[in-house]
Amino acid sequence: MALAESRSLKSAYSLLTIKSFLIWTFTLTVCLLVIGFPLIVLMATVGALLAVTLQYVMPMSAVLLVAGGIIGANLFVVMVGAAALTLQGVHPQEVGWLRWLHGEENPKHTSVYASCPLTCDVDH
């Protein structure tokens, strides 16, 4: 009986770890694309210059090599970051700025309209 419970706990823990890793991978990818947009522009600029420079040395696959290297480096950074956060035990449900994981729609937020300074104090 204890062996079956131990196996089910290990199975539940491994599923939780895999889920945490996948959520961290998705979150870090979105953060890289949205927040890191200037970094992406810089990587594209450096990559284009590197591809043009490498074109003289190896004309057949310079663009493929540079594009594969940049995409591979980005994937490596995201995967290592997600693995580090998962192995440290930081679960995405515990992070405050990931509200969409908690199932709440930010109940503290109230809408403010442009006309509010003129009409909010007016009683009907």
PDB file of N, CA and C in Angstrom:
ATOM      1  N   MET A   1       0.814  -1.189   0.000  1.00  0.00           N
ATOM      2  CA  MET A   1       0.000   0.000   0.000  1.00  0.00           C
ATOM      3  C   MET A   1       0.862   1.260   0.000  1.00  0.00           C
ATOM      4  N   ALA A   2       1.902   1.246   0.840  1.00  0.00           N
ATOM      5  CA  ALA A   2       2.783   2.407   0.914  1.00  0.00           C
ATOM      6  C   ALA A   2       3.553   2.583  -0.384  1.00  0.00           C
ATOM      7  N   LEU A   3       3.879   1.483  -1.046  1.00  0.00           N
ATOM      8  CA  LEU A   3       4.599   1.557  -2.311  1.00  0.00           C
ATOM      9  C   LEU A   3       3.745   2.208  -3.389  1.00  0.00           C
ATOM     10  N   ALA A   4       2.461   1.884  -3.421  1.00  0.00           N
ATOM     11  CA  ALA A   4       1.553   2.478  -4.400  1.00  0.00           C
ATOM     12  C   ALA A   4       1.389   3.973  -4.148  1.00  0.00           C
ATOM     13  N   GLU A   5       1.298   4.378  -2.886  1.00  0.00           N
ATOM     14  CA  GLU A   5       1.189   5.799  -2.558  1.00  0.00           C
ATOM     15  C   GLU A   5       2.470   6.530  -2.918  1.00  0.00           C
ATOM     16  N   SER A   6       3.611   5.895  -2.696  1.00  0.00           N
ATOM     17  CA  SER A   6       4.895   6.504  -3.041  1.00  0.00           C
ATOM     18  C   SER A   6       5.006   6.721  -4.545  1.00  0.00           C
ATOM     19  N   ARG A   7       4.560   5.746  -5.324  1.00  0.00           N
ATOM     20  CA  ARG A   7       4.599   5.875  -6.775  1.00  0.00           C
ATOM     21  C   ARG A   7       3.659   6.970  -7.260  1.00  0.00           C
ATOM     22  N   SER A   8       2.492   7.065  -6.660  1.00  0.00           N
ATOM     23  CA  SER A   8       1.547   8.089  -7.088  1.00  0.00           C
ATOM     24  C   SER A   8       2.049   9.482  -6.719  1.00  0.00           C
ATOM     25  N   LEU A   9       2.733   9.602  -5.571  1.00  0.00           N
ATOM     26  CA  LEU A   9       3.313  10.888  -5.199  1.00  0.00           C
ATOM     27  C   LEU A   9       4.443  11.280  -6.146  1.00  0.00           C
ATOM     28  N   LYS A  10       5.281  10.312  -6.511  1.00  0.00           N
ATOM     29  CA  LYS A  10       6.362  10.593  -7.454  1.00  0.00           C
ATOM     30  C   LYS A  10       5.805  10.979  -8.815  1.00  0.00           C
ATOM     31  N   SER A  11       4.748  10.305  -9.219  1.00  0.00           N
ATOM     32  CA  SER A  11       4.115  10.610 -10.498  1.00  0.00           C
ATOM     33  C   SER A  11       3.498  12.003 -10.477  1.00  0.00           C
ATOM     34  N   ALA A  12       2.837  12.352  -9.391  1.00  0.00           N
ATOM     35  CA  ALA A  12       2.236  13.681  -9.271  1.00  0.00           C
ATOM     36  C   ALA A  12       3.312  14.760  -9.232  1.00  0.00           C
ATOM     37  N   TYR A  13       4.406  14.494  -8.523  1.00  0.00           N
ATOM     38  CA  TYR A  13       5.492  15.465  -8.455  1.00  0.00           C
ATOM     39  C   TYR A  13       6.159  15.651  -9.813  1.00  0.00           C
ATOM     40  N   SER A  14       6.349  14.576 -10.552  1.00  0.00           N
ATOM     41  CA  SER A  14       6.979  14.703 -11.866  1.00  0.00           C
ATOM     42  C   SER A  14       6.057  15.442 -12.835  1.00  0.00           C
ATOM     43  N   LEU A  15       4.755  15.187 -12.750  1.00  0.00           N
ATOM     44  CA  LEU A  15       3.818  15.933 -13.599  1.00  0.00           C
ATOM     45  C   LEU A  15       3.806  17.419 -13.239  1.00  0.00           C
ATOM     46  N   LEU A  16       3.885  17.740 -11.958  1.00  0.00           N
ATOM     47  CA  LEU A  16       3.939  19.130 -11.519  1.00  0.00           C
ATOM     48  C   LEU A  16       5.227  19.796 -11.997  1.00  0.00           C
ATOM     49  N   THR A  17       6.324  19.057 -11.960  1.00  0.00           N
ATOM     50  CA  THR A  17       7.600  19.602 -12.424  1.00  0.00           C
ATOM     51  C   THR A  17       7.577  19.852 -13.925  1.00  0.00           C
ATOM     52  N   ILE A  18       7.033  18.926 -14.689  1.00  0.00           N
ATOM     53  CA  ILE A  18       6.935  19.103 -16.143  1.00  0.00           C
ATOM     54  C   ILE A  18       6.018  20.277 -16.474  1.00  0.00           C
ATOM     55  N   LYS A  19       4.901  20.373 -15.769  1.00  0.00           N
ATOM     56  CA  LYS A  19       3.974  21.491 -15.990  1.00  0.00           C
ATOM     57  C   LYS A  19       4.652  22.819 -15.664  1.00  0.00           C
ATOM     58  N   SER A  20       5.381  22.864 -14.561  1.00  0.00           N
ATOM     59  CA  SER A  20       6.093  24.077 -14.181  1.00  0.00           C
ATOM     60  C   SER A  20       7.132  24.458 -15.231  1.00  0.00           C
ATOM     61  N   PHE A  21       7.876  23.468 -15.724  1.00  0.00           N
ATOM     62  CA  PHE A  21       8.881  23.744 -16.755  1.00  0.00           C
ATOM     63  C   PHE A  21       8.237  24.286 -18.028  1.00  0.00           C
ATOM     64  N   LEU A  22       7.135  23.694 -18.460  1.00  0.00           N
ATOM     65  CA  LEU A  22       6.474  24.158 -19.683  1.00  0.00           C
ATOM     66  C   LEU A  22       5.886  25.554 -19.518  1.00  0.00           C
ATOM     67  N   ILE A  23       5.325  25.847 -18.359  1.00  0.00           N
ATOM     68  CA  ILE A  23       4.781  27.186 -18.129  1.00  0.00           C
ATOM     69  C   ILE A  23       5.908  28.211 -18.077  1.00  0.00           C
ATOM     70  N   TRP A  24       7.026  27.877 -17.428  1.00  0.00           N
ATOM     71  CA  TRP A  24       8.165  28.795 -17.411  1.00  0.00           C
ATOM     72  C   TRP A  24       8.734  29.002 -18.812  1.00  0.00           C
ATOM     73  N   THR A  25       8.771  27.944 -19.614  1.00  0.00           N
ATOM     74  CA  THR A  25       9.266  28.078 -20.982  1.00  0.00           C
ATOM     75  C   THR A  25       8.379  29.037 -21.778  1.00  0.00           C
ATOM     76  N   PHE A  26       7.067  28.861 -21.672  1.00  0.00           N
ATOM     77  CA  PHE A  26       6.133  29.744 -22.366  1.00  0.00           C
ATOM     78  C   PHE A  26       6.262  31.178 -21.873  1.00  0.00           C
ATOM     79  N   THR A  27       6.335  31.363 -20.565  1.00  0.00           N
ATOM     80  CA  THR A  27       6.410  32.709 -19.990  1.00  0.00           C
ATOM     81  C   THR A  27       7.700  33.414 -20.389  1.00  0.00           C
ATOM     82  N   LEU A  28       8.813  32.716 -20.323  1.00  0.00           N
ATOM     83  CA  LEU A  28      10.091  33.338 -20.697  1.00  0.00           C
ATOM     84  C   LEU A  28      10.154  33.632 -22.190  1.00  0.00           C
ATOM     85  N   THR A  29       9.540  32.801 -23.015  1.00  0.00           N
ATOM     86  CA  THR A  29       9.500  33.065 -24.452  1.00  0.00           C
ATOM     87  C   THR A  29       8.679  34.310 -24.745  1.00  0.00           C
ATOM     88  N   VAL A  30       7.527  34.434 -24.103  1.00  0.00           N
ATOM     89  CA  VAL A  30       6.695  35.622 -24.312  1.00  0.00           C
ATOM     90  C   VAL A  30       7.407  36.867 -23.804  1.00  0.00           C
ATOM     91  N   CYS A  31       8.066  36.767 -22.659  1.00  0.00           N
ATOM     92  CA  CYS A  31       8.818  37.915 -22.140  1.00  0.00           C
ATOM     93  C   CYS A  31       9.956  38.304 -23.078  1.00  0.00           C
ATOM     94  N   LEU A  32      10.615  37.329 -23.658  1.00  0.00           N
ATOM     95  CA  LEU A  32      11.685  37.632 -24.609  1.00  0.00           C
ATOM     96  C   LEU A  32      11.143  38.338 -25.838  1.00  0.00           C
ATOM     97  N   LEU A  33       9.995  37.905 -26.319  1.00  0.00           N
ATOM     98  CA  LEU A  33       9.425  38.513 -27.523  1.00  0.00           C
ATOM     99  C   LEU A  33       8.823  39.880 -27.262  1.00  0.00           C
ATOM    100  N   VAL A  34       8.165  40.060 -26.140  1.00  0.00           N
ATOM    101  CA  VAL A  34       7.454  41.309 -25.876  1.00  0.00           C
ATOM    102  C   VAL A  34       8.355  42.339 -25.206  1.00  0.00           C
ATOM    103  N   ILE A  35       8.920  41.968 -24.078  1.00  0.00           N
ATOM    104  CA  ILE A  35       9.733  42.917 -23.322  1.00  0.00           C
ATOM    105  C   ILE A  35      11.116  43.075 -23.946  1.00  0.00           C
ATOM    106  N   GLY A  36      11.646  41.997 -24.498  1.00  0.00           N
ATOM    107  CA  GLY A  36      12.983  42.041 -25.067  1.00  0.00           C
ATOM    108  C   GLY A  36      13.025  42.445 -26.526  1.00  0.00           C
ATOM    109  N   PHE A  37      12.029  43.198 -26.997  1.00  0.00           N
ATOM    110  CA  PHE A  37      12.005  43.580 -28.412  1.00  0.00           C
ATOM    111  C   PHE A  37      13.249  44.355 -28.841  1.00  0.00           C
ATOM    112  N   PRO A  38      13.758  45.311 -28.049  1.00  0.00           N
ATOM    113  CA  PRO A  38      15.015  45.970 -28.461  1.00  0.00           C
ATOM    114  C   PRO A  38      16.181  44.987 -28.581  1.00  0.00           C
ATOM    115  N   LEU A  39      16.192  43.977 -27.724  1.00  0.00           N
ATOM    116  CA  LEU A  39      17.230  42.946 -27.818  1.00  0.00           C
ATOM    117  C   LEU A  39      17.097  42.148 -29.105  1.00  0.00           C
ATOM    118  N   ILE A  40      15.865  41.872 -29.513  1.00  0.00           N
ATOM    119  CA  ILE A  40      15.628  41.143 -30.761  1.00  0.00           C
ATOM    120  C   ILE A  40      16.089  41.973 -31.957  1.00  0.00           C
ATOM    121  N   VAL A  41      15.822  43.273 -31.937  1.00  0.00           N
ATOM    122  CA  VAL A  41      16.274  44.145 -33.019  1.00  0.00           C
ATOM    123  C   VAL A  41      17.800  44.168 -33.073  1.00  0.00           C
ATOM    124  N   LEU A  42      18.439  44.227 -31.916  1.00  0.00           N
ATOM    125  CA  LEU A  42      19.903  44.209 -31.864  1.00  0.00           C
ATOM    126  C   LEU A  42      20.454  42.883 -32.377  1.00  0.00           C
ATOM    127  N   MET A  43      19.821  41.765 -31.998  1.00  0.00           N
ATOM    128  CA  MET A  43      20.276  40.454 -32.480  1.00  0.00           C
ATOM    129  C   MET A  43      20.095  40.339 -33.993  1.00  0.00           C
ATOM    130  N   ALA A  44      18.996  40.870 -34.528  1.00  0.00           N
ATOM    131  CA  ALA A  44      18.776  40.805 -35.970  1.00  0.00           C
ATOM    132  C   ALA A  44      19.804  41.651 -36.715  1.00  0.00           C
ATOM    133  N   THR A  45      20.140  42.813 -36.170  1.00  0.00           N
ATOM    134  CA  THR A  45      21.145  43.669 -36.801  1.00  0.00           C
ATOM    135  C   THR A  45      22.516  43.014 -36.794  1.00  0.00           C
ATOM    136  N   VAL A  46      22.917  42.504 -35.646  1.00  0.00           N
ATOM    137  CA  VAL A  46      24.219  41.824 -35.552  1.00  0.00           C
ATOM    138  C   VAL A  46      24.229  40.581 -36.429  1.00  0.00           C
ATOM    139  N   GLY A  47      23.117  39.861 -36.462  1.00  0.00           N
ATOM    140  CA  GLY A  47      23.032  38.666 -37.304  1.00  0.00           C
ATOM    141  C   GLY A  47      23.136  38.984 -38.781  1.00  0.00           C
ATOM    142  N   ALA A  48      22.505  40.066 -39.212  1.00  0.00           N
ATOM    143  CA  ALA A  48      22.600  40.454 -40.624  1.00  0.00           C
ATOM    144  C   ALA A  48      24.027  40.850 -40.984  1.00  0.00           C
ATOM    145  N   LEU A  49      24.666  41.617 -40.111  1.00  0.00           N
ATOM    146  CA  LEU A  49      26.057  42.007 -40.375  1.00  0.00           C
ATOM    147  C   LEU A  49      26.986  40.786 -40.365  1.00  0.00           C
ATOM    148  N   LEU A  50      26.738  39.865 -39.457  1.00  0.00           N
ATOM    149  CA  LEU A  50      27.550  38.652 -39.391  1.00  0.00           C
ATOM    150  C   LEU A  50      27.336  37.771 -40.623  1.00  0.00           C
ATOM    151  N   ALA A  51      26.098  37.696 -41.104  1.00  0.00           N
ATOM    152  CA  ALA A  51      25.818  36.900 -42.302  1.00  0.00           C
ATOM    153  C   ALA A  51      26.492  37.495 -43.529  1.00  0.00           C
ATOM    154  N   VAL A  52      26.465  38.810 -43.645  1.00  0.00           N
ATOM    155  CA  VAL A  52      27.138  39.460 -44.782  1.00  0.00           C
ATOM    156  C   VAL A  52      28.641  39.242 -44.708  1.00  0.00           C
ATOM    157  N   THR A  53      29.190  39.327 -43.507  1.00  0.00           N
ATOM    158  CA  THR A  53      30.632  39.119 -43.340  1.00  0.00           C
ATOM    159  C   THR A  53      31.015  37.673 -43.634  1.00  0.00           C
ATOM    160  N   LEU A  54      30.232  36.728 -43.153  1.00  0.00           N
ATOM    161  CA  LEU A  54      30.535  35.321 -43.389  1.00  0.00           C
ATOM    162  C   LEU A  54      30.259  34.887 -44.825  1.00  0.00           C
ATOM    163  N   GLN A  55      29.505  35.673 -45.561  1.00  0.00           N
ATOM    164  CA  GLN A  55      29.182  35.330 -46.948  1.00  0.00           C
ATOM    165  C   GLN A  55      30.452  35.223 -47.801  1.00  0.00           C
ATOM    166  N   TYR A  56      31.450  36.024 -47.475  1.00  0.00           N
ATOM    167  CA  TYR A  56      32.700  35.978 -48.234  1.00  0.00           C
ATOM    168  C   TYR A  56      33.512  34.733 -47.902  1.00  0.00           C
ATOM    169  N   VAL A  57      33.410  34.259 -46.663  1.00  0.00           N
ATOM    170  CA  VAL A  57      34.200  33.111 -46.234  1.00  0.00           C
ATOM    171  C   VAL A  57      33.567  31.804 -46.681  1.00  0.00           C
ATOM    172  N   MET A  58      32.273  31.656 -46.439  1.00  0.00           N
ATOM    173  CA  MET A  58      31.560  30.436 -46.812  1.00  0.00           C
ATOM    174  C   MET A  58      30.220  30.821 -47.438  1.00  0.00           C
ATOM    175  N   PRO A  59      30.201  30.994 -48.732  1.00  0.00           N
ATOM    176  CA  PRO A  59      29.033  31.571 -49.400  1.00  0.00           C
ATOM    177  C   PRO A  59      27.771  30.708 -49.393  1.00  0.00           C
ATOM    178  N   MET A  60      27.878  29.412 -49.173  1.00  0.00           N
ATOM    179  CA  MET A  60      26.691  28.579 -49.316  1.00  0.00           C
ATOM    180  C   MET A  60      25.762  28.632 -48.114  1.00  0.00           C
ATOM    181  N   SER A  61      26.306  28.667 -46.904  1.00  0.00           N
ATOM    182  CA  SER A  61      25.434  28.503 -45.749  1.00  0.00           C
ATOM    183  C   SER A  61      25.639  29.561 -44.671  1.00  0.00           C
ATOM    184  N   ALA A  62      26.061  30.740 -45.031  1.00  0.00           N
ATOM    185  CA  ALA A  62      26.314  31.776 -44.022  1.00  0.00           C
ATOM    186  C   ALA A  62      25.021  32.218 -43.354  1.00  0.00           C
ATOM    187  N   VAL A  63      23.984  32.460 -44.128  1.00  0.00           N
ATOM    188  CA  VAL A  63      22.719  32.923 -43.556  1.00  0.00           C
ATOM    189  C   VAL A  63      22.090  31.826 -42.694  1.00  0.00           C
ATOM    190  N   LEU A  64      22.141  30.598 -43.174  1.00  0.00           N
ATOM    191  CA  LEU A  64      21.585  29.480 -42.407  1.00  0.00           C
ATOM    192  C   LEU A  64      22.350  29.288 -41.106  1.00  0.00           C
ATOM    193  N   LEU A  65      23.647  29.398 -41.145  1.00  0.00           N
ATOM    194  CA  LEU A  65      24.463  29.239 -39.952  1.00  0.00           C
ATOM    195  C   LEU A  65      24.168  30.331 -38.934  1.00  0.00           C
ATOM    196  N   VAL A  66      24.082  31.576 -39.381  1.00  0.00           N
ATOM    197  CA  VAL A  66      23.836  32.690 -38.464  1.00  0.00           C
ATOM    198  C   VAL A  66      22.423  32.610 -37.895  1.00  0.00           C
ATOM    199  N   ALA A  67      21.429  32.356 -38.750  1.00  0.00           N
ATOM    200  CA  ALA A  67      20.044  32.270 -38.267  1.00  0.00           C
ATOM    201  C   ALA A  67      19.879  31.092 -37.303  1.00  0.00           C
ATOM    202  N   GLY A  68      20.459  29.967 -37.641  1.00  0.00           N
ATOM    203  CA  GLY A  68      20.391  28.812 -36.739  1.00  0.00           C
ATOM    204  C   GLY A  68      21.092  29.068 -35.421  1.00  0.00           C
ATOM    205  N   GLY A  69      22.200  29.770 -35.473  1.00  0.00           N
ATOM    206  CA  GLY A  69      22.919  30.099 -34.242  1.00  0.00           C
ATOM    207  C   GLY A  69      22.132  31.036 -33.343  1.00  0.00           C
ATOM    208  N   ILE A  70      21.506  32.044 -33.925  1.00  0.00           N
ATOM    209  CA  ILE A  70      20.728  32.994 -33.125  1.00  0.00           C
ATOM    210  C   ILE A  70      19.489  32.319 -32.533  1.00  0.00           C
ATOM    211  N   ILE A  71      18.779  31.561 -33.348  1.00  0.00           N
ATOM    212  CA  ILE A  71      17.583  30.872 -32.853  1.00  0.00           C
ATOM    213  C   ILE A  71      17.971  29.825 -31.814  1.00  0.00           C
ATOM    214  N   GLY A  72      19.042  29.098 -32.071  1.00  0.00           N
ATOM    215  CA  GLY A  72      19.503  28.101 -31.105  1.00  0.00           C
ATOM    216  C   GLY A  72      19.937  28.725 -29.790  1.00  0.00           C
ATOM    217  N   ALA A  73      20.619  29.870 -29.847  1.00  0.00           N
ATOM    218  CA  ALA A  73      21.036  30.551 -28.617  1.00  0.00           C
ATOM    219  C   ALA A  73      19.828  31.029 -27.826  1.00  0.00           C
ATOM    220  N   ASN A  74      18.816  31.559 -28.516  1.00  0.00           N
ATOM    221  CA  ASN A  74      17.602  32.003 -27.816  1.00  0.00           C
ATOM    222  C   ASN A  74      16.877  30.827 -27.170  1.00  0.00           C
ATOM    223  N   LEU A  75      16.748  29.721 -27.892  1.00  0.00           N
ATOM    224  CA  LEU A  75      16.110  28.537 -27.319  1.00  0.00           C
ATOM    225  C   LEU A  75      16.895  28.010 -26.124  1.00  0.00           C
ATOM    226  N   PHE A  76      18.213  28.013 -26.231  1.00  0.00           N
ATOM    227  CA  PHE A  76      19.059  27.539 -25.139  1.00  0.00           C
ATOM    228  C   PHE A  76      18.882  28.399 -23.890  1.00  0.00           C
ATOM    229  N   VAL A  77      18.861  29.715 -24.070  1.00  0.00           N
ATOM    230  CA  VAL A  77      18.709  30.618 -22.926  1.00  0.00           C
ATOM    231  C   VAL A  77      17.343  30.426 -22.264  1.00  0.00           C
ATOM    232  N   VAL A  78      16.285  30.310 -23.071  1.00  0.00           N
ATOM    233  CA  VAL A  78      14.944  30.120 -22.512  1.00  0.00           C
ATOM    234  C   VAL A  78      14.845  28.786 -21.779  1.00  0.00           C
ATOM    235  N   MET A  79      15.369  27.725 -22.379  1.00  0.00           N
ATOM    236  CA  MET A  79      15.294  26.404 -21.746  1.00  0.00           C
ATOM    237  C   MET A  79      16.128  26.339 -20.469  1.00  0.00           C
ATOM    238  N   VAL A  80      17.313  26.917 -20.474  1.00  0.00           N
ATOM    239  CA  VAL A  80      18.151  26.911 -19.275  1.00  0.00           C
ATOM    240  C   VAL A  80      17.503  27.745 -18.177  1.00  0.00           C
ATOM    241  N   GLY A  81      16.919  28.888 -18.537  1.00  0.00           N
ATOM    242  CA  GLY A  81      16.219  29.706 -17.547  1.00  0.00           C
ATOM    243  C   GLY A  81      15.022  28.988 -16.944  1.00  0.00           C
ATOM    244  N   ALA A  82      14.241  28.333 -17.800  1.00  0.00           N
ATOM    245  CA  ALA A  82      13.087  27.582 -17.308  1.00  0.00           C
ATOM    246  C   ALA A  82      13.523  26.406 -16.437  1.00  0.00           C
ATOM    247  N   ALA A  83      14.579  25.722 -16.839  1.00  0.00           N
ATOM    248  CA  ALA A  83      15.075  24.597 -16.037  1.00  0.00           C
ATOM    249  C   ALA A  83      15.617  25.083 -14.691  1.00  0.00           C
ATOM    250  N   ALA A  84      16.319  26.208 -14.691  1.00  0.00           N
ATOM    251  CA  ALA A  84      16.863  26.734 -13.432  1.00  0.00           C
ATOM    252  C   ALA A  84      15.742  27.130 -12.476  1.00  0.00           C
ATOM    253  N   LEU A  85      14.718  27.805 -12.996  1.00  0.00           N
ATOM    254  CA  LEU A  85      13.601  28.195 -12.140  1.00  0.00           C
ATOM    255  C   LEU A  85      12.840  26.976 -11.625  1.00  0.00           C
ATOM    256  N   THR A  86      12.687  25.969 -12.476  1.00  0.00           N
ATOM    257  CA  THR A  86      11.974  24.766 -12.063  1.00  0.00           C
ATOM    258  C   THR A  86      12.779  23.990 -11.022  1.00  0.00           C
ATOM    259  N   LEU A  87      14.072  23.845 -11.225  1.00  0.00           N
ATOM    260  CA  LEU A  87      14.899  23.089 -10.282  1.00  0.00           C
ATOM    261  C   LEU A  87      15.078  23.804  -8.948  1.00  0.00           C
ATOM    262  N   GLN A  88      14.975  25.134  -8.953  1.00  0.00           N
ATOM    263  CA  GLN A  88      15.052  25.873  -7.698  1.00  0.00           C
ATOM    264  C   GLN A  88      13.756  25.793  -6.911  1.00  0.00           C
ATOM    265  N   GLY A  89      12.717  25.265  -7.536  1.00  0.00           N
ATOM    266  CA  GLY A  89      11.444  25.106  -6.839  1.00  0.00           C
ATOM    267  C   GLY A  89      10.533  26.311  -6.924  1.00  0.00           C
ATOM    268  N   VAL A  90      10.815  27.224  -7.835  1.00  0.00           N
ATOM    269  CA  VAL A  90       9.946  28.386  -8.020  1.00  0.00           C
ATOM    270  C   VAL A  90       8.822  27.967  -8.948  1.00  0.00           C
ATOM    271  N   HIS A  91       7.630  27.829  -8.388  1.00  0.00           N
ATOM    272  CA  HIS A  91       6.488  27.430  -9.193  1.00  0.00           C
ATOM    273  C   HIS A  91       5.797  28.667  -9.741  1.00  0.00           C
ATOM    274  N   PRO A  92       5.350  28.624 -10.988  1.00  0.00           N
ATOM    275  CA  PRO A  92       4.714  29.804 -11.590  1.00  0.00           C
ATOM    276  C   PRO A  92       3.476  30.276 -10.829  1.00  0.00           C
ATOM    277  N   GLN A  93       2.782  29.382 -10.126  1.00  0.00           N
ATOM    278  CA  GLN A  93       1.602  29.780  -9.369  1.00  0.00           C
ATOM    279  C   GLN A  93       1.959  30.647  -8.168  1.00  0.00           C
ATOM    280  N   GLU A  94       3.208  30.606  -7.723  1.00  0.00           N
ATOM    281  CA  GLU A  94       3.648  31.382  -6.569  1.00  0.00           C
ATOM    282  C   GLU A  94       4.111  32.784  -6.938  1.00  0.00           C
ATOM    283  N   VAL A  95       4.264  33.074  -8.218  1.00  0.00           N
ATOM    284  CA  VAL A  95       4.786  34.359  -8.667  1.00  0.00           C
ATOM    285  C   VAL A  95       3.619  35.330  -8.818  1.00  0.00           C
ATOM    286  N   GLY A  96       3.734  36.497  -8.194  1.00  0.00           N
ATOM    287  CA  GLY A  96       2.628  37.448  -8.161  1.00  0.00           C
ATOM    288  C   GLY A  96       2.291  38.066  -9.502  1.00  0.00           C
ATOM    289  N   TRP A  97       3.285  38.282 -10.369  1.00  0.00           N
ATOM    290  CA  TRP A  97       3.002  38.969 -11.625  1.00  0.00           C
ATOM    291  C   TRP A  97       2.457  38.045 -12.702  1.00  0.00           C
ATOM    292  N   LEU A  98       2.258  36.775 -12.386  1.00  0.00           N
ATOM    293  CA  LEU A  98       1.607  35.841 -13.302  1.00  0.00           C
ATOM    294  C   LEU A  98       0.167  35.605 -12.853  1.00  0.00           C
ATOM    295  N   ARG A  99      -0.629  36.652 -12.850  1.00  0.00           N
ATOM    296  CA  ARG A  99      -1.998  36.567 -12.332  1.00  0.00           C
ATOM    297  C   ARG A  99      -2.881  35.639 -13.148  1.00  0.00           C
ATOM    298  N   TRP A 100      -2.599  35.481 -14.422  1.00  0.00           N
ATOM    299  CA  TRP A 100      -3.439  34.649 -15.275  1.00  0.00           C
ATOM    300  C   TRP A 100      -3.393  33.186 -14.860  1.00  0.00           C
ATOM    301  N   LEU A 101      -2.382  32.783 -14.083  1.00  0.00           N
ATOM    302  CA  LEU A 101      -2.310  31.408 -13.616  1.00  0.00           C
ATOM    303  C   LEU A 101      -3.193  31.156 -12.404  1.00  0.00           C
ATOM    304  N   HIS A 102      -3.550  32.213 -11.698  1.00  0.00           N
ATOM    305  CA  HIS A 102      -4.343  32.065 -10.489  1.00  0.00           C
ATOM    306  C   HIS A 102      -5.837  31.987 -10.775  1.00  0.00           C
ATOM    307  N   GLY A 103      -6.257  32.303 -11.988  1.00  0.00           N
ATOM    308  CA  GLY A 103      -7.664  32.243 -12.346  1.00  0.00           C
ATOM    309  C   GLY A 103      -8.456  33.465 -11.950  1.00  0.00           C
ATOM    310  N   GLU A 104      -7.781  34.511 -11.525  1.00  0.00           N
ATOM    311  CA  GLU A 104      -8.492  35.727 -11.162  1.00  0.00           C
ATOM    312  C   GLU A 104      -8.250  36.793 -12.218  1.00  0.00           C
ATOM    313  N   GLU A 105      -9.168  37.701 -12.314  1.00  0.00           N
ATOM    314  CA  GLU A 105      -9.073  38.736 -13.341  1.00  0.00           C
ATOM    315  C   GLU A 105      -8.694  40.083 -12.763  1.00  0.00           C
ATOM    316  N   ASN A 106      -7.831  40.117 -11.773  1.00  0.00           N
ATOM    317  CA  ASN A 106      -7.370  41.340 -11.156  1.00  0.00           C
ATOM    318  C   ASN A 106      -8.540  42.132 -10.577  1.00  0.00           C
ATOM    319  N   PRO A 107      -9.144  41.665  -9.483  1.00  0.00           N
ATOM    320  CA  PRO A 107     -10.325  42.327  -8.944  1.00  0.00           C
ATOM    321  C   PRO A 107     -10.053  43.712  -8.358  1.00  0.00           C
ATOM    322  N   LYS A 108      -8.796  44.060  -8.124  1.00  0.00           N
ATOM    323  CA  LYS A 108      -8.469  45.362  -7.566  1.00  0.00           C
ATOM    324  C   LYS A 108      -8.526  46.468  -8.612  1.00  0.00           C
ATOM    325  N   HIS A 109      -8.547  46.110  -9.861  1.00  0.00           N
ATOM    326  CA  HIS A 109      -8.508  47.092 -10.929  1.00  0.00           C
ATOM    327  C   HIS A 109      -9.886  47.703 -11.159  1.00  0.00           C
ATOM    328  N   THR A 110      -9.931  49.012 -11.242  1.00  0.00           N
ATOM    329  CA  THR A 110     -11.166  49.704 -11.593  1.00  0.00           C
ATOM    330  C   THR A 110     -10.907  50.542 -12.827  1.00  0.00           C
ATOM    331  N   SER A 111     -11.889  50.643 -13.675  1.00  0.00           N
ATOM    332  CA  SER A 111     -11.731  51.394 -14.912  1.00  0.00           C
ATOM    333  C   SER A 111     -11.763  52.893 -14.630  1.00  0.00           C
ATOM    334  N   VAL A 112     -10.877  53.610 -15.293  1.00  0.00           N
ATOM    335  CA  VAL A 112     -10.839  55.058 -15.186  1.00  0.00           C
ATOM    336  C   VAL A 112     -11.034  55.602 -16.580  1.00  0.00           C
ATOM    337  N   TYR A 113     -12.020  56.459 -16.721  1.00  0.00           N
ATOM    338  CA  TYR A 113     -12.328  57.029 -18.023  1.00  0.00           C
ATOM    339  C   TYR A 113     -11.760  58.435 -18.117  1.00  0.00           C
ATOM    340  N   ALA A 114     -11.608  58.905 -19.339  1.00  0.00           N
ATOM    341  CA  ALA A 114     -11.020  60.231 -19.553  1.00  0.00           C
ATOM    342  C   ALA A 114     -11.890  61.338 -18.974  1.00  0.00           C
ATOM    343  N   SER A 115     -13.204  61.142 -18.932  1.00  0.00           N
ATOM    344  CA  SER A 115     -14.089  62.180 -18.420  1.00  0.00           C
ATOM    345  C   SER A 115     -14.267  62.108 -16.906  1.00  0.00           C
ATOM    346  N   CYS A 116     -13.637  61.188 -16.248  1.00  0.00           N
ATOM    347  CA  CYS A 116     -13.835  60.977 -14.824  1.00  0.00           C
ATOM    348  C   CYS A 116     -13.472  62.221 -13.983  1.00  0.00           C
ATOM    349  N   PRO A 117     -12.383  62.920 -14.256  1.00  0.00           N
ATOM    350  CA  PRO A 117     -12.110  64.107 -13.435  1.00  0.00           C
ATOM    351  C   PRO A 117     -13.231  65.154 -13.508  1.00  0.00           C
ATOM    352  N   LEU A 118     -13.989  65.169 -14.588  1.00  0.00           N
ATOM    353  CA  LEU A 118     -15.069  66.144 -14.728  1.00  0.00           C
ATOM    354  C   LEU A 118     -16.391  65.634 -14.171  1.00  0.00           C
ATOM    355  N   THR A 119     -16.634  64.320 -14.263  1.00  0.00           N
ATOM    356  CA  THR A 119     -17.966  63.806 -13.948  1.00  0.00           C
ATOM    357  C   THR A 119     -18.035  62.863 -12.769  1.00  0.00           C
ATOM    358  N   CYS A 120     -16.926  62.443 -12.197  1.00  0.00           N
ATOM    359  CA  CYS A 120     -16.979  61.459 -11.114  1.00  0.00           C
ATOM    360  C   CYS A 120     -17.594  62.017  -9.842  1.00  0.00           C
ATOM    361  N   ASP A 121     -17.435  63.290  -9.572  1.00  0.00           N
ATOM    362  CA  ASP A 121     -17.978  63.874  -8.362  1.00  0.00           C
ATOM    363  C   ASP A 121     -19.412  64.357  -8.520  1.00  0.00           C
ATOM    364  N   VAL A 122     -19.962  64.285  -9.710  1.00  0.00           N
ATOM    365  CA  VAL A 122     -21.320  64.765  -9.967  1.00  0.00           C
ATOM    366  C   VAL A 122     -22.299  63.694  -9.524  1.00  0.00           C
ATOM    367  N   ASP A 123     -23.255  64.064  -8.672  1.00  0.00           N
ATOM    368  CA  ASP A 123     -24.303  63.127  -8.254  1.00  0.00           C
ATOM    369  C   ASP A 123     -25.444  63.180  -9.245  1.00  0.00           C
ATOM    370  N   HIS A 124     -26.093  62.056  -9.421  1.00  0.00           N
ATOM    371  CA  HIS A 124     -27.172  61.981 -10.393  1.00  0.00           C
ATOM    372  C   HIS A 124     -28.342  62.638  -9.826  1.00  0.00           C
TER     373      HIS A 124
END
